[in-house]
Protein backbone atom coordinates (compact mmCIF):
# COMPACT_ATOMS: atom_id res chain seq x y z
CA ASP A 1 55.75 -39.13 -32.37
CA LEU A 2 54.14 -42.75 -31.33
CA ILE A 3 50.68 -43.72 -29.66
CA ILE A 4 50.53 -47.48 -28.20
CA LYS A 5 47.07 -49.24 -28.80
CA ASP A 6 45.42 -52.00 -26.42
CA TYR A 7 44.44 -54.25 -29.32
CA ILE A 8 43.43 -57.54 -28.89
CA PRO A 9 42.06 -59.10 -32.36
CA PRO A 10 38.97 -61.12 -31.62
CA THR A 11 40.11 -63.06 -34.90
CA PRO A 12 43.19 -63.87 -36.54
CA ILE A 13 45.15 -61.29 -38.36
CA ALA A 14 46.41 -62.13 -41.62
CA ALA A 15 47.01 -60.17 -45.33
CA ASP A 16 43.16 -60.23 -46.61
CA ASN A 17 41.58 -58.75 -43.38
CA LEU A 18 44.72 -56.48 -41.96
CA ILE A 19 42.73 -53.16 -43.03
CA GLY A 20 39.18 -54.68 -41.67
CA HIS A 21 41.21 -54.99 -38.26
CA PHE A 22 43.03 -51.27 -38.90
CA LEU A 23 39.50 -49.70 -39.68
CA PHE A 24 37.25 -51.34 -37.54
CA GLY A 25 39.75 -52.74 -34.36
CA ILE A 26 42.58 -51.15 -33.97
CA THR A 27 41.31 -47.31 -34.53
CA ASN A 28 38.59 -47.72 -32.03
CA SER A 29 40.64 -49.39 -29.29
CA GLN A 30 41.82 -48.02 -26.23
CA THR A 31 45.66 -46.13 -26.27
CA SER A 32 47.67 -47.19 -23.53
CA THR A 33 50.64 -44.89 -24.33
CA THR A 34 51.03 -41.26 -26.60
CA ILE A 35 54.46 -39.65 -26.64
CA CYS A 36 54.70 -36.17 -28.87
CA ASN A 37 57.96 -34.62 -29.72
CA GLY A 38 59.86 -36.98 -27.06
CA LYS A 39 57.40 -36.13 -24.53
CA ILE A 40 55.11 -38.35 -22.69
CA LEU A 41 51.99 -37.41 -22.64
CA MET A 42 49.96 -40.55 -21.65
CA GLU A 43 51.45 -43.55 -19.65
CA ASP A 44 49.43 -46.74 -18.77
CA TYR A 45 46.00 -45.20 -19.59
CA LYS A 46 46.60 -42.01 -17.24
CA LEU A 47 47.49 -38.30 -18.72
CA LYS A 48 50.69 -36.97 -17.55
CA LEU A 49 49.62 -33.42 -18.59
CA LYS A 50 49.69 -31.00 -15.78
CA LEU A 51 46.24 -29.49 -16.60
CA ASP A 52 43.96 -27.02 -14.60
CA PRO A 53 40.57 -27.50 -14.96
CA GLU A 54 39.70 -23.55 -13.68
CA GLU A 55 41.92 -22.21 -16.54
CA ILE A 56 40.20 -24.51 -19.25
CA TYR A 57 36.79 -23.64 -18.53
CA ARG A 58 37.44 -20.01 -18.44
CA LYS A 59 39.29 -20.09 -21.56
CA SER A 60 36.61 -22.22 -23.16
CA ASN A 61 34.09 -19.89 -21.82
CA GLU A 62 35.98 -16.76 -23.73
CA LEU A 63 36.39 -18.63 -26.60
CA ALA A 64 32.62 -19.60 -26.95
CA LYS A 65 31.92 -16.22 -26.62
CA ASN A 66 33.85 -15.12 -29.39
CA LEU A 67 32.24 -17.66 -31.26
CA TRP A 68 28.39 -16.86 -30.55
CA LYS A 69 29.24 -13.17 -31.68
CA ARG A 70 30.80 -14.06 -34.99
CA ILE A 71 27.69 -16.30 -35.61
């Protein structure tokens, strides 16, 4: 699995500030590409997945009802 982040550091990256860049910069930067199990899921900031919004809403509604029954 691989992600490619779009990170332009506001200050130079050095050994003594690398963790700060990672925690506060790189992790919050935009993801441009995502590859999982050799399949490109996102490329150039665009999802490559075939999603059906109606099916997602239907399934979410069903799962929410089941969750509320358990609570």
